[in-house]
Amino acid sequence: MKTAISLPDHLYKDAEKTAKSLGIPRSQLFAKALEEYINKYTKGQVTERLNEVYKDMNTDANIANIETASVESLRELTKNDAW
């Protein structure tokens, strides 16, 4: 899909140089840069949401409960394994 954007002159010139040095069309450079930015932004949002969910779980009691549950789960998963 084609689109038109406005850029400051210095950014346009830097994009031209970068695209040439990479041997790719300028439009491909813009597409790759935008894709990377969106991926980074999305990952940041996921991290923020996870931090919000787990912020109150960072106590010693909760960590001990998680560790106990993990050990119990591992025992259950491996109870029929021949070691």
C-alpha atoms as a PDB file:
ATOM      1  CA  MET A   1       0.000   0.000   0.000  1.00  0.00           C
ATOM      2  CA  LYS A   2       1.303   3.432  -0.823  1.00  0.00           C
ATOM      3  CA  THR A   3       1.241   6.298   1.618  1.00  0.00           C
ATOM      4  CA  ALA A   4       2.707   9.777   1.816  1.00  0.00           C
ATOM      5  CA  ILE A   5       4.521  11.110   4.865  1.00  0.00           C
ATOM      6  CA  SER A   6       6.275  14.346   5.713  1.00  0.00           C
ATOM      7  CA  LEU A   7       9.797  14.193   7.125  1.00  0.00           C
ATOM      8  CA  PRO A   8      12.295  16.784   8.262  1.00  0.00           C
ATOM      9  CA  ASP A   9      15.002  17.279   5.614  1.00  0.00           C
ATOM     10  CA  HIS A  10      17.779  15.830   7.783  1.00  0.00           C
ATOM     11  CA  LEU A  11      15.787  12.643   8.450  1.00  0.00           C
ATOM     12  CA  TYR A  12      15.041  12.202   4.754  1.00  0.00           C
ATOM     13  CA  LYS A  13      18.736  12.622   3.884  1.00  0.00           C
ATOM     14  CA  ASP A  14      19.768  10.150   6.589  1.00  0.00           C
ATOM     15  CA  ALA A  15      17.195   7.668   5.301  1.00  0.00           C
ATOM     16  CA  GLU A  16      18.515   8.064   1.755  1.00  0.00           C
ATOM     17  CA  LYS A  17      22.087   7.378   2.887  1.00  0.00           C
ATOM     18  CA  THR A  18      21.073   4.416   5.041  1.00  0.00           C
ATOM     19  CA  ALA A  19      18.966   2.820   2.315  1.00  0.00           C
ATOM     20  CA  LYS A  20      21.816   3.207  -0.190  1.00  0.00           C
ATOM     21  CA  SER A  21      24.356   1.706   2.194  1.00  0.00           C
ATOM     22  CA  LEU A  22      22.038  -1.254   2.844  1.00  0.00           C
ATOM     23  CA  GLY A  23      21.252  -1.639  -0.842  1.00  0.00           C
ATOM     24  CA  ILE A  24      17.501  -1.476  -0.324  1.00  0.00           C
ATOM     25  CA  PRO A  25      14.831   0.924  -1.549  1.00  0.00           C
ATOM     26  CA  ARG A  26      13.995   3.803   0.766  1.00  0.00           C
ATOM     27  CA  SER A  27      10.398   2.585   1.093  1.00  0.00           C
ATOM     28  CA  GLN A  28      11.665  -0.789   2.323  1.00  0.00           C
ATOM     29  CA  LEU A  29      13.837   0.993   4.895  1.00  0.00           C
ATOM     30  CA  PHE A  30      10.798   2.924   6.142  1.00  0.00           C
ATOM     31  CA  ALA A  31       8.702  -0.260   6.284  1.00  0.00           C
ATOM     32  CA  LYS A  32      11.393  -2.149   8.237  1.00  0.00           C
ATOM     33  CA  ALA A  33      11.920   0.750  10.629  1.00  0.00           C
ATOM     34  CA  LEU A  34       8.199   1.075  11.283  1.00  0.00           C
ATOM     35  CA  GLU A  35       7.865  -2.680  11.809  1.00  0.00           C
ATOM     36  CA  GLU A  36      10.691  -2.671  14.363  1.00  0.00           C
ATOM     37  CA  TYR A  37       9.201   0.306  16.163  1.00  0.00           C
ATOM     38  CA  ILE A  38       5.770  -1.326  16.370  1.00  0.00           C
ATOM     39  CA  ASN A  39       7.259  -4.609  17.629  1.00  0.00           C
ATOM     40  CA  LYS A  40       9.270  -2.777  20.299  1.00  0.00           C
ATOM     41  CA  TYR A  41       6.249  -0.706  21.335  1.00  0.00           C
ATOM     42  CA  THR A  42       4.024  -3.794  21.539  1.00  0.00           C
ATOM     43  CA  LYS A  43       6.578  -5.693  23.636  1.00  0.00           C
ATOM     44  CA  GLY A  44       6.821  -2.713  25.960  1.00  0.00           C
ATOM     45  CA  GLN A  45       3.056  -2.703  26.426  1.00  0.00           C
ATOM     46  CA  VAL A  46       3.036  -6.426  27.234  1.00  0.00           C
ATOM     47  CA  THR A  47       5.807  -5.930  29.791  1.00  0.00           C
ATOM     48  CA  GLU A  48       3.926  -3.040  31.394  1.00  0.00           C
ATOM     49  CA  ARG A  49       0.751  -5.124  31.658  1.00  0.00           C
ATOM     50  CA  LEU A  50       2.621  -8.078  33.144  1.00  0.00           C
ATOM     51  CA  ASN A  51       4.342  -5.793  35.639  1.00  0.00           C
ATOM     52  CA  GLU A  52       0.943  -4.437  36.649  1.00  0.00           C
ATOM     53  CA  VAL A  53      -0.486  -7.936  37.110  1.00  0.00           C
ATOM     54  CA  TYR A  54       2.470  -9.198  39.146  1.00  0.00           C
ATOM     55  CA  LYS A  55       3.396  -6.062  41.096  1.00  0.00           C
ATOM     56  CA  ASP A  56       1.620  -7.202  44.272  1.00  0.00           C
ATOM     57  CA  MET A  57       2.981 -10.752  44.074  1.00  0.00           C
ATOM     58  CA  ASN A  58       6.574  -9.779  44.775  1.00  0.00           C
ATOM     59  CA  THR A  59       6.575 -10.679  48.468  1.00  0.00           C
ATOM     60  CA  ASP A  60       8.603 -13.395  50.158  1.00  0.00           C
ATOM     61  CA  ALA A  61       5.414 -15.326  51.037  1.00  0.00           C
ATOM     62  CA  ASN A  62       4.206 -15.320  47.441  1.00  0.00           C
ATOM     63  CA  ILE A  63       7.629 -16.362  46.145  1.00  0.00           C
ATOM     64  CA  ALA A  64       7.700 -19.256  48.635  1.00  0.00           C
ATOM     65  CA  ASN A  65       4.186 -20.314  47.536  1.00  0.00           C
ATOM     66  CA  ILE A  66       5.201 -20.209  43.882  1.00  0.00           C
ATOM     67  CA  GLU A  67       8.331 -22.244  44.568  1.00  0.00           C
ATOM     68  CA  THR A  68       6.322 -24.841  46.527  1.00  0.00           C
ATOM     69  CA  ALA A  69       3.714 -25.063  43.770  1.00  0.00           C
ATOM     70  CA  SER A  70       6.465 -25.451  41.185  1.00  0.00           C
ATOM     71  CA  VAL A  71       8.117 -28.302  43.068  1.00  0.00           C
ATOM     72  CA  GLU A  72       4.760 -30.023  43.576  1.00  0.00           C
ATOM     73  CA  SER A  73       3.926 -29.662  39.892  1.00  0.00           C
ATOM     74  CA  LEU A  74       7.303 -31.095  38.918  1.00  0.00           C
ATOM     75  CA  ARG A  75       6.799 -34.067  41.260  1.00  0.00           C
ATOM     76  CA  GLU A  76       3.360 -34.718  39.753  1.00  0.00           C
ATOM     77  CA  LEU A  77       4.684 -34.503  36.200  1.00  0.00           C
ATOM     78  CA  THR A  78       7.566 -36.887  36.869  1.00  0.00           C
ATOM     79  CA  LYS A  79       5.934 -39.369  39.266  1.00  0.00           C
ATOM     80  CA  ASN A  80       5.806 -42.147  36.634  1.00  0.00           C
ATOM     81  CA  ASP A  81       9.234 -41.507  35.188  1.00  0.00           C
ATOM     82  CA  ALA A  82      11.896 -44.174  35.688  1.00  0.00           C
ATOM     83  CA  TRP A  83      15.063 -42.495  36.842  1.00  0.00           C
END
